[in-house]
mmCIF file of all heavy atoms, coordinates in Angstrom:
data_MODEL
# 
_entry.id   MODEL 
# 
loop_
_atom_site.group_PDB 
_atom_site.id 
_atom_site.type_symbol 
_atom_site.label_atom_id 
_atom_site.label_alt_id 
_atom_site.label_comp_id 
_atom_site.label_asym_id 
_atom_site.label_entity_id 
_atom_site.label_seq_id 
_atom_site.pdbx_PDB_ins_code 
_atom_site.Cartn_x 
_atom_site.Cartn_y 
_atom_site.Cartn_z 
_atom_site.occupancy 
_atom_site.B_iso_or_equiv 
_atom_site.pdbx_formal_charge 
_atom_site.auth_seq_id 
_atom_site.auth_comp_id 
_atom_site.auth_asym_id 
_atom_site.auth_atom_id 
_atom_site.pdbx_PDB_model_num 
ATOM 1   N N   . GLY A 1 1  ? 3.902   2.499  3.335   1.00 0.00 ? 1  GLY A N   1 
ATOM 2   C CA  . GLY A 1 1  ? 4.960   1.808  2.499   1.00 0.00 ? 1  GLY A CA  1 
ATOM 3   C C   . GLY A 1 1  ? 4.445   1.669  1.097   1.00 0.00 ? 1  GLY A C   1 
ATOM 4   O O   . GLY A 1 1  ? 3.226   1.782  0.801   1.00 0.00 ? 1  GLY A O   1 
ATOM 5   N N   . SER A 1 2  ? 5.346   1.403  0.206   1.00 0.00 ? 2  SER A N   1 
ATOM 6   C CA  . SER A 1 2  ? 4.964   1.116  -1.194  1.00 0.00 ? 2  SER A CA  1 
ATOM 7   C C   . SER A 1 2  ? 6.068   0.337  -1.855  1.00 0.00 ? 2  SER A C   1 
ATOM 8   O O   . SER A 1 2  ? 7.230   0.323  -1.429  1.00 0.00 ? 2  SER A O   1 
ATOM 9   C CB  . SER A 1 2  ? 4.712   2.458  -1.941  1.00 0.00 ? 2  SER A CB  1 
ATOM 10  O OG  . SER A 1 2  ? 5.951   3.215  -2.024  1.00 0.00 ? 2  SER A OG  1 
ATOM 11  N N   . SER A 1 3  ? 5.738   -0.279 -2.948  1.00 0.00 ? 3  SER A N   1 
ATOM 12  C CA  . SER A 1 3  ? 6.698   -1.019 -3.744  1.00 0.00 ? 3  SER A CA  1 
ATOM 13  C C   . SER A 1 3  ? 6.228   -1.016 -5.219  1.00 0.00 ? 3  SER A C   1 
ATOM 14  O O   . SER A 1 3  ? 5.021   -0.776 -5.528  1.00 0.00 ? 3  SER A O   1 
ATOM 15  C CB  . SER A 1 3  ? 6.799   -2.498 -3.263  1.00 0.00 ? 3  SER A CB  1 
ATOM 16  O OG  . SER A 1 3  ? 5.568   -3.148 -3.368  1.00 0.00 ? 3  SER A OG  1 
ATOM 17  N N   . ASP A 1 4  ? 7.174   -1.193 -6.125  1.00 0.00 ? 4  ASP A N   1 
ATOM 18  C CA  . ASP A 1 4  ? 6.807   -1.241 -7.553  1.00 0.00 ? 4  ASP A CA  1 
ATOM 19  C C   . ASP A 1 4  ? 7.647   -2.329 -8.215  1.00 0.00 ? 4  ASP A C   1 
ATOM 20  O O   . ASP A 1 4  ? 8.647   -2.789 -7.694  1.00 0.00 ? 4  ASP A O   1 
ATOM 21  C CB  . ASP A 1 4  ? 7.079   0.086  -8.185  1.00 0.00 ? 4  ASP A CB  1 
ATOM 22  C CG  . ASP A 1 4  ? 8.569   0.494  -8.193  1.00 0.00 ? 4  ASP A CG  1 
ATOM 23  O OD1 . ASP A 1 4  ? 9.279   0.116  -9.096  1.00 0.00 ? 4  ASP A OD1 1 
ATOM 24  O OD2 . ASP A 1 4  ? 8.985   1.153  -7.223  1.00 0.00 ? 4  ASP A OD2 1 
ATOM 25  N N   . ASP A 1 5  ? 7.153   -2.699 -9.428  1.00 0.00 ? 5  ASP A N   1 
ATOM 26  C CA  . ASP A 1 5  ? 7.862   -3.767 -10.182 1.00 0.00 ? 5  ASP A CA  1 
ATOM 27  C C   . ASP A 1 5  ? 8.843   -3.196 -11.137 1.00 0.00 ? 5  ASP A C   1 
ATOM 28  O O   . ASP A 1 5  ? 9.411   -3.956 -11.969 1.00 0.00 ? 5  ASP A O   1 
ATOM 29  C CB  . ASP A 1 5  ? 6.793   -4.626 -10.902 1.00 0.00 ? 5  ASP A CB  1 
ATOM 30  C CG  . ASP A 1 5  ? 6.026   -3.894 -11.933 1.00 0.00 ? 5  ASP A CG  1 
ATOM 31  O OD1 . ASP A 1 5  ? 6.229   -2.635 -12.099 1.00 0.00 ? 5  ASP A OD1 1 
ATOM 32  O OD2 . ASP A 1 5  ? 5.135   -4.474 -12.592 1.00 0.00 ? 5  ASP A OD2 1 
ATOM 33  N N   . GLY A 1 6  ? 9.086   -1.924 -11.132 1.00 0.00 ? 6  GLY A N   1 
ATOM 34  C CA  . GLY A 1 6  ? 10.051  -1.322 -12.089 1.00 0.00 ? 6  GLY A CA  1 
ATOM 35  C C   . GLY A 1 6  ? 9.541   -1.156 -13.466 1.00 0.00 ? 6  GLY A C   1 
ATOM 36  O O   . GLY A 1 6  ? 10.290  -0.691 -14.351 1.00 0.00 ? 6  GLY A O   1 
ATOM 37  N N   . LYS A 1 7  ? 8.297   -1.530 -13.711 1.00 0.00 ? 7  LYS A N   1 
ATOM 38  C CA  . LYS A 1 7  ? 7.757   -1.450 -15.071 1.00 0.00 ? 7  LYS A CA  1 
ATOM 39  C C   . LYS A 1 7  ? 6.459   -0.648 -15.126 1.00 0.00 ? 7  LYS A C   1 
ATOM 40  O O   . LYS A 1 7  ? 6.377   0.390  -15.826 1.00 0.00 ? 7  LYS A O   1 
ATOM 41  C CB  . LYS A 1 7  ? 7.456   -2.887 -15.542 1.00 0.00 ? 7  LYS A CB  1 
ATOM 42  C CG  . LYS A 1 7  ? 8.651   -3.745 -15.667 1.00 0.00 ? 7  LYS A CG  1 
ATOM 43  C CD  . LYS A 1 7  ? 8.291   -5.199 -16.103 1.00 0.00 ? 7  LYS A CD  1 
ATOM 44  C CE  . LYS A 1 7  ? 9.525   -6.094 -16.184 1.00 0.00 ? 7  LYS A CE  1 
ATOM 45  N NZ  . LYS A 1 7  ? 9.176   -7.478 -16.593 1.00 0.00 ? 7  LYS A NZ  1 
ATOM 46  N N   . SER A 1 8  ? 5.415   -1.037 -14.378 1.00 0.00 ? 8  SER A N   1 
ATOM 47  C CA  . SER A 1 8  ? 4.160   -0.310 -14.477 1.00 0.00 ? 8  SER A CA  1 
ATOM 48  C C   . SER A 1 8  ? 3.349   -0.318 -13.177 1.00 0.00 ? 8  SER A C   1 
ATOM 49  O O   . SER A 1 8  ? 2.438   0.498  -13.049 1.00 0.00 ? 8  SER A O   1 
ATOM 50  C CB  . SER A 1 8  ? 3.331   -0.872 -15.642 1.00 0.00 ? 8  SER A CB  1 
ATOM 51  O OG  . SER A 1 8  ? 3.007   -2.244 -15.375 1.00 0.00 ? 8  SER A OG  1 
ATOM 52  N N   . LYS A 1 9  ? 3.559   -1.287 -12.322 1.00 0.00 ? 9  LYS A N   1 
ATOM 53  C CA  . LYS A 1 9  ? 2.693   -1.455 -11.127 1.00 0.00 ? 9  LYS A CA  1 
ATOM 54  C C   . LYS A 1 9  ? 3.292   -0.842 -9.864  1.00 0.00 ? 9  LYS A C   1 
ATOM 55  O O   . LYS A 1 9  ? 4.469   -1.008 -9.597  1.00 0.00 ? 9  LYS A O   1 
ATOM 56  C CB  . LYS A 1 9  ? 2.377   -2.910 -10.926 1.00 0.00 ? 9  LYS A CB  1 
ATOM 57  C CG  . LYS A 1 9  ? 1.537   -3.579 -12.054 1.00 0.00 ? 9  LYS A CG  1 
ATOM 58  C CD  . LYS A 1 9  ? 1.314   -5.029 -11.825 1.00 0.00 ? 9  LYS A CD  1 
ATOM 59  C CE  . LYS A 1 9  ? 0.472   -5.642 -12.962 1.00 0.00 ? 9  LYS A CE  1 
ATOM 60  N NZ  . LYS A 1 9  ? 0.240   -7.059 -12.691 1.00 0.00 ? 9  LYS A NZ  1 
ATOM 61  N N   . ILE A 1 10 ? 2.390   -0.201 -9.085  1.00 0.00 ? 10 ILE A N   1 
ATOM 62  C CA  . ILE A 1 10 ? 2.726   0.288  -7.760  1.00 0.00 ? 10 ILE A CA  1 
ATOM 63  C C   . ILE A 1 10 ? 1.802   -0.306 -6.740  1.00 0.00 ? 10 ILE A C   1 
ATOM 64  O O   . ILE A 1 10 ? 0.545   -0.242 -6.971  1.00 0.00 ? 10 ILE A O   1 
ATOM 65  C CB  . ILE A 1 10 ? 2.701   1.791  -7.670  1.00 0.00 ? 10 ILE A CB  1 
ATOM 66  C CG1 . ILE A 1 10 ? 3.568   2.482  -8.722  1.00 0.00 ? 10 ILE A CG1 1 
ATOM 67  C CG2 . ILE A 1 10 ? 3.149   2.289  -6.269  1.00 0.00 ? 10 ILE A CG2 1 
ATOM 68  C CD1 . ILE A 1 10 ? 3.467   4.015  -8.743  1.00 0.00 ? 10 ILE A CD1 1 
ATOM 69  N N   . LYS A 1 11 ? 2.320   -0.837 -5.651  1.00 0.00 ? 11 LYS A N   1 
ATOM 70  C CA  . LYS A 1 11 ? 1.445   -1.337 -4.537  1.00 0.00 ? 11 LYS A CA  1 
ATOM 71  C C   . LYS A 1 11 ? 1.597   -0.379 -3.370  1.00 0.00 ? 11 LYS A C   1 
ATOM 72  O O   . LYS A 1 11 ? 2.739   -0.148 -2.879  1.00 0.00 ? 11 LYS A O   1 
ATOM 73  C CB  . LYS A 1 11 ? 1.866   -2.736 -4.151  1.00 0.00 ? 11 LYS A CB  1 
ATOM 74  C CG  . LYS A 1 11 ? 0.997   -3.263 -2.956  1.00 0.00 ? 11 LYS A CG  1 
ATOM 75  C CD  . LYS A 1 11 ? 1.394   -4.679 -2.605  1.00 0.00 ? 11 LYS A CD  1 
ATOM 76  C CE  . LYS A 1 11 ? 0.941   -5.703 -3.556  1.00 0.00 ? 11 LYS A CE  1 
ATOM 77  N NZ  . LYS A 1 11 ? 1.187   -7.109 -3.101  1.00 0.00 ? 11 LYS A NZ  1 
ATOM 78  N N   . PHE A 1 12 ? 0.530   0.225  -3.014  1.00 0.00 ? 12 PHE A N   1 
ATOM 79  C CA  . PHE A 1 12 ? 0.513   1.139  -1.896  1.00 0.00 ? 12 PHE A CA  1 
ATOM 80  C C   . PHE A 1 12 ? 0.012   0.454  -0.631  1.00 0.00 ? 12 PHE A C   1 
ATOM 81  O O   . PHE A 1 12 ? -0.881  -0.404 -0.657  1.00 0.00 ? 12 PHE A O   1 
ATOM 82  C CB  . PHE A 1 12 ? -0.416  2.298  -2.149  1.00 0.00 ? 12 PHE A CB  1 
ATOM 83  C CG  . PHE A 1 12 ? -0.050  3.151  -3.307  1.00 0.00 ? 12 PHE A CG  1 
ATOM 84  C CD1 . PHE A 1 12 ? -0.652  2.956  -4.579  1.00 0.00 ? 12 PHE A CD1 1 
ATOM 85  C CD2 . PHE A 1 12 ? 0.922   4.179  -3.200  1.00 0.00 ? 12 PHE A CD2 1 
ATOM 86  C CE1 . PHE A 1 12 ? -0.313  3.766  -5.652  1.00 0.00 ? 12 PHE A CE1 1 
ATOM 87  C CE2 . PHE A 1 12 ? 1.253   4.978  -4.271  1.00 0.00 ? 12 PHE A CE2 1 
ATOM 88  C CZ  . PHE A 1 12 ? 0.643   4.734  -5.545  1.00 0.00 ? 12 PHE A CZ  1 
ATOM 89  N N   . LEU A 1 13 ? 0.671   0.719  0.515   1.00 0.00 ? 13 LEU A N   1 
ATOM 90  C CA  . LEU A 1 13 ? 0.214   0.200  1.774   1.00 0.00 ? 13 LEU A CA  1 
ATOM 91  C C   . LEU A 1 13 ? -0.286  1.337  2.650   1.00 0.00 ? 13 LEU A C   1 
ATOM 92  O O   . LEU A 1 13 ? 0.501   2.135  3.182   1.00 0.00 ? 13 LEU A O   1 
ATOM 93  C CB  . LEU A 1 13 ? 1.353   -0.592 2.491   1.00 0.00 ? 13 LEU A CB  1 
ATOM 94  C CG  . LEU A 1 13 ? 1.872   -1.790 1.723   1.00 0.00 ? 13 LEU A CG  1 
ATOM 95  C CD1 . LEU A 1 13 ? 3.093   -2.346 2.467   1.00 0.00 ? 13 LEU A CD1 1 
ATOM 96  C CD2 . LEU A 1 13 ? 0.834   -2.814 1.437   1.00 0.00 ? 13 LEU A CD2 1 
ATOM 97  N N   . PHE A 1 14 ? -1.622  1.454  2.809   1.00 0.00 ? 14 PHE A N   1 
ATOM 98  C CA  . PHE A 1 14 ? -2.179  2.500  3.632   1.00 0.00 ? 14 PHE A CA  1 
ATOM 99  C C   . PHE A 1 14 ? -2.726  1.932  4.907   1.00 0.00 ? 14 PHE A C   1 
ATOM 100 O O   . PHE A 1 14 ? -3.223  0.831  4.994   1.00 0.00 ? 14 PHE A O   1 
ATOM 101 C CB  . PHE A 1 14 ? -3.371  3.182  2.856   1.00 0.00 ? 14 PHE A CB  1 
ATOM 102 C CG  . PHE A 1 14 ? -2.961  3.873  1.609   1.00 0.00 ? 14 PHE A CG  1 
ATOM 103 C CD1 . PHE A 1 14 ? -3.203  3.305  0.334   1.00 0.00 ? 14 PHE A CD1 1 
ATOM 104 C CD2 . PHE A 1 14 ? -2.273  5.116  1.673   1.00 0.00 ? 14 PHE A CD2 1 
ATOM 105 C CE1 . PHE A 1 14 ? -2.830  3.949  -0.839  1.00 0.00 ? 14 PHE A CE1 1 
ATOM 106 C CE2 . PHE A 1 14 ? -1.922  5.755  0.504   1.00 0.00 ? 14 PHE A CE2 1 
ATOM 107 C CZ  . PHE A 1 14 ? -2.177  5.173  -0.760  1.00 0.00 ? 14 PHE A CZ  1 
ATOM 108 N N   . GLN A 1 15 ? -2.670  2.775  5.979   1.00 0.00 ? 15 GLN A N   1 
ATOM 109 C CA  . GLN A 1 15 ? -3.242  2.365  7.269   1.00 0.00 ? 15 GLN A CA  1 
ATOM 110 C C   . GLN A 1 15 ? -4.653  2.991  7.451   1.00 0.00 ? 15 GLN A C   1 
ATOM 111 O O   . GLN A 1 15 ? -4.833  4.148  7.323   1.00 0.00 ? 15 GLN A O   1 
ATOM 112 C CB  . GLN A 1 15 ? -2.355  2.855  8.438   1.00 0.00 ? 15 GLN A CB  1 
ATOM 113 C CG  . GLN A 1 15 ? -2.888  2.299  9.795   1.00 0.00 ? 15 GLN A CG  1 
ATOM 114 C CD  . GLN A 1 15 ? -1.913  2.689  10.900  1.00 0.00 ? 15 GLN A CD  1 
ATOM 115 O OE1 . GLN A 1 15 ? -1.484  3.879  10.992  1.00 0.00 ? 15 GLN A OE1 1 
ATOM 116 N NE2 . GLN A 1 15 ? -1.595  1.753  11.734  1.00 0.00 ? 15 GLN A NE2 1 
ATOM 117 N N   . ASN A 1 16 ? -5.611  2.068  7.642   1.00 0.00 ? 16 ASN A N   1 
ATOM 118 C CA  . ASN A 1 16 ? -6.976  2.551  7.892   1.00 0.00 ? 16 ASN A CA  1 
ATOM 119 C C   . ASN A 1 16 ? -7.010  3.235  9.264   1.00 0.00 ? 16 ASN A C   1 
ATOM 120 O O   . ASN A 1 16 ? -6.617  2.711  10.245  1.00 0.00 ? 16 ASN A O   1 
ATOM 121 C CB  . ASN A 1 16 ? -7.945  1.300  7.906   1.00 0.00 ? 16 ASN A CB  1 
ATOM 122 C CG  . ASN A 1 16 ? -9.397  1.704  7.983   1.00 0.00 ? 16 ASN A CG  1 
ATOM 123 O OD1 . ASN A 1 16 ? -9.772  2.367  8.996   1.00 0.00 ? 16 ASN A OD1 1 
ATOM 124 N ND2 . ASN A 1 16 ? -10.151 1.287  7.027   1.00 0.00 ? 16 ASN A ND2 1 
ATOM 125 N N   . PRO A 1 17 ? -7.541  4.473  9.299   1.00 0.00 ? 17 PRO A N   1 
ATOM 126 C CA  . PRO A 1 17 ? -7.508  5.266  10.511  1.00 0.00 ? 17 PRO A CA  1 
ATOM 127 C C   . PRO A 1 17 ? -8.388  4.684  11.621  1.00 0.00 ? 17 PRO A C   1 
ATOM 128 O O   . PRO A 1 17 ? -8.223  4.967  12.805  1.00 0.00 ? 17 PRO A O   1 
ATOM 129 C CB  . PRO A 1 17 ? -8.036  6.636  10.099  1.00 0.00 ? 17 PRO A CB  1 
ATOM 130 C CG  . PRO A 1 17 ? -8.808  6.388  8.896   1.00 0.00 ? 17 PRO A CG  1 
ATOM 131 C CD  . PRO A 1 17 ? -8.093  5.207  8.215   1.00 0.00 ? 17 PRO A CD  1 
ATOM 132 N N   . ASP A 1 18 ? -9.418  3.908  11.247  1.00 0.00 ? 18 ASP A N   1 
ATOM 133 C CA  . ASP A 1 18 ? -10.368 3.389  12.172  1.00 0.00 ? 18 ASP A CA  1 
ATOM 134 C C   . ASP A 1 18 ? -9.925  2.011  12.719  1.00 0.00 ? 18 ASP A C   1 
ATOM 135 O O   . ASP A 1 18 ? -9.839  1.768  13.929  1.00 0.00 ? 18 ASP A O   1 
ATOM 136 C CB  . ASP A 1 18 ? -11.767 3.240  11.564  1.00 0.00 ? 18 ASP A CB  1 
ATOM 137 C CG  . ASP A 1 18 ? -12.278 4.558  11.136  1.00 0.00 ? 18 ASP A CG  1 
ATOM 138 O OD1 . ASP A 1 18 ? -12.071 5.578  11.868  1.00 0.00 ? 18 ASP A OD1 1 
ATOM 139 O OD2 . ASP A 1 18 ? -12.921 4.645  10.040  1.00 0.00 ? 18 ASP A OD2 1 
ATOM 140 N N   . THR A 1 19 ? -9.581  1.123  11.773  1.00 0.00 ? 19 THR A N   1 
ATOM 141 C CA  . THR A 1 19 ? -9.222  -0.250 12.204  1.00 0.00 ? 19 THR A CA  1 
ATOM 142 C C   . THR A 1 19 ? -7.725  -0.356 12.487  1.00 0.00 ? 19 THR A C   1 
ATOM 143 O O   . THR A 1 19 ? -7.318  -1.396 13.110  1.00 0.00 ? 19 THR A O   1 
ATOM 144 C CB  . THR A 1 19 ? -9.591  -1.218 11.150  1.00 0.00 ? 19 THR A CB  1 
ATOM 145 O OG1 . THR A 1 19 ? -8.803  -0.983 9.986   1.00 0.00 ? 19 THR A OG1 1 
ATOM 146 C CG2 . THR A 1 19 ? -11.090 -1.122 10.815  1.00 0.00 ? 19 THR A CG2 1 
ATOM 147 N N   . LYS A 1 20 ? -6.918  0.554  12.044  1.00 0.00 ? 20 LYS A N   1 
ATOM 148 C CA  . LYS A 1 20 ? -5.454  0.565  12.150  1.00 0.00 ? 20 LYS A CA  1 
ATOM 149 C C   . LYS A 1 20 ? -4.822  -0.585 11.328  1.00 0.00 ? 20 LYS A C   1 
ATOM 150 O O   . LYS A 1 20 ? -3.663  -0.885 11.400  1.00 0.00 ? 20 LYS A O   1 
ATOM 151 C CB  . LYS A 1 20 ? -5.000  0.410  13.600  1.00 0.00 ? 20 LYS A CB  1 
ATOM 152 C CG  . LYS A 1 20 ? -5.521  1.470  14.557  1.00 0.00 ? 20 LYS A CG  1 
ATOM 153 C CD  . LYS A 1 20 ? -5.191  2.901  14.087  1.00 0.00 ? 20 LYS A CD  1 
ATOM 154 C CE  . LYS A 1 20 ? -5.778  3.919  15.020  1.00 0.00 ? 20 LYS A CE  1 
ATOM 155 N NZ  . LYS A 1 20 ? -5.393  5.302  14.572  1.00 0.00 ? 20 LYS A NZ  1 
ATOM 156 N N   . GLN A 1 21 ? -5.632  -1.240 10.518  1.00 0.00 ? 21 GLN A N   1 
ATOM 157 C CA  . GLN A 1 21 ? -5.142  -2.291 9.620   1.00 0.00 ? 21 GLN A CA  1 
ATOM 158 C C   . GLN A 1 21 ? -4.503  -1.715 8.348   1.00 0.00 ? 21 GLN A C   1 
ATOM 159 O O   . GLN A 1 21 ? -4.891  -0.633 7.925   1.00 0.00 ? 21 GLN A O   1 
ATOM 160 C CB  . GLN A 1 21 ? -6.332  -3.237 9.229   1.00 0.00 ? 21 GLN A CB  1 
ATOM 161 C CG  . GLN A 1 21 ? -6.933  -3.956 10.414  1.00 0.00 ? 21 GLN A CG  1 
ATOM 162 C CD  . GLN A 1 21 ? -5.963  -4.855 11.138  1.00 0.00 ? 21 GLN A CD  1 
ATOM 163 O OE1 . GLN A 1 21 ? -5.269  -5.676 10.510  1.00 0.00 ? 21 GLN A OE1 1 
ATOM 164 N NE2 . GLN A 1 21 ? -5.935  -4.771 12.450  1.00 0.00 ? 21 GLN A NE2 1 
ATOM 165 N N   . ILE A 1 22 ? -3.571  -2.471 7.815   1.00 0.00 ? 22 ILE A N   1 
ATOM 166 C CA  . ILE A 1 22 ? -2.921  -2.067 6.565   1.00 0.00 ? 22 ILE A CA  1 
ATOM 167 C C   . ILE A 1 22 ? -3.713  -2.519 5.394   1.00 0.00 ? 22 ILE A C   1 
ATOM 168 O O   . ILE A 1 22 ? -4.066  -3.675 5.324   1.00 0.00 ? 22 ILE A O   1 
ATOM 169 C CB  . ILE A 1 22 ? -1.478  -2.585 6.500   1.00 0.00 ? 22 ILE A CB  1 
ATOM 170 C CG1 . ILE A 1 22 ? -0.573  -2.004 7.652   1.00 0.00 ? 22 ILE A CG1 1 
ATOM 171 C CG2 . ILE A 1 22 ? -0.864  -2.209 5.163   1.00 0.00 ? 22 ILE A CG2 1 
ATOM 172 C CD1 . ILE A 1 22 ? -0.458  -0.514 7.650   1.00 0.00 ? 22 ILE A CD1 1 
ATOM 173 N N   . GLU A 1 23 ? -4.032  -1.587 4.498   1.00 0.00 ? 23 GLU A N   1 
ATOM 174 C CA  . GLU A 1 23 ? -4.837  -1.939 3.292   1.00 0.00 ? 23 GLU A CA  1 
ATOM 175 C C   . GLU A 1 23 ? -3.917  -1.731 2.076   1.00 0.00 ? 23 GLU A C   1 
ATOM 176 O O   . GLU A 1 23 ? -3.363  -0.624 1.871   1.00 0.00 ? 23 GLU A O   1 
ATOM 177 C CB  . GLU A 1 23 ? -6.050  -1.075 3.245   1.00 0.00 ? 23 GLU A CB  1 
ATOM 178 C CG  . GLU A 1 23 ? -6.969  -1.253 4.429   1.00 0.00 ? 23 GLU A CG  1 
ATOM 179 C CD  . GLU A 1 23 ? -8.130  -0.268 4.479   1.00 0.00 ? 23 GLU A CD  1 
ATOM 180 O OE1 . GLU A 1 23 ? -8.172  0.706  3.678   1.00 0.00 ? 23 GLU A OE1 1 
ATOM 181 O OE2 . GLU A 1 23 ? -9.066  -0.452 5.307   1.00 0.00 ? 23 GLU A OE2 1 
ATOM 182 N N   . ALA A 1 24 ? -3.819  -2.782 1.274   1.00 0.00 ? 24 ALA A N   1 
ATOM 183 C CA  . ALA A 1 24 ? -3.000  -2.741 0.049   1.00 0.00 ? 24 ALA A CA  1 
ATOM 184 C C   . ALA A 1 24 ? -3.792  -2.315 -1.165  1.00 0.00 ? 24 ALA A C   1 
ATOM 185 O O   . ALA A 1 24 ? -4.889  -2.866 -1.384  1.00 0.00 ? 24 ALA A O   1 
ATOM 186 C CB  . ALA A 1 24 ? -2.365  -4.107 -0.157  1.00 0.00 ? 24 ALA A CB  1 
# 
């Protein structure tokens, strides 16, 4: 997943392949 503020910032949500946790 990802989101942005419409101006300059993008937040990426990646899944760690080992822990399966989501890392922002």
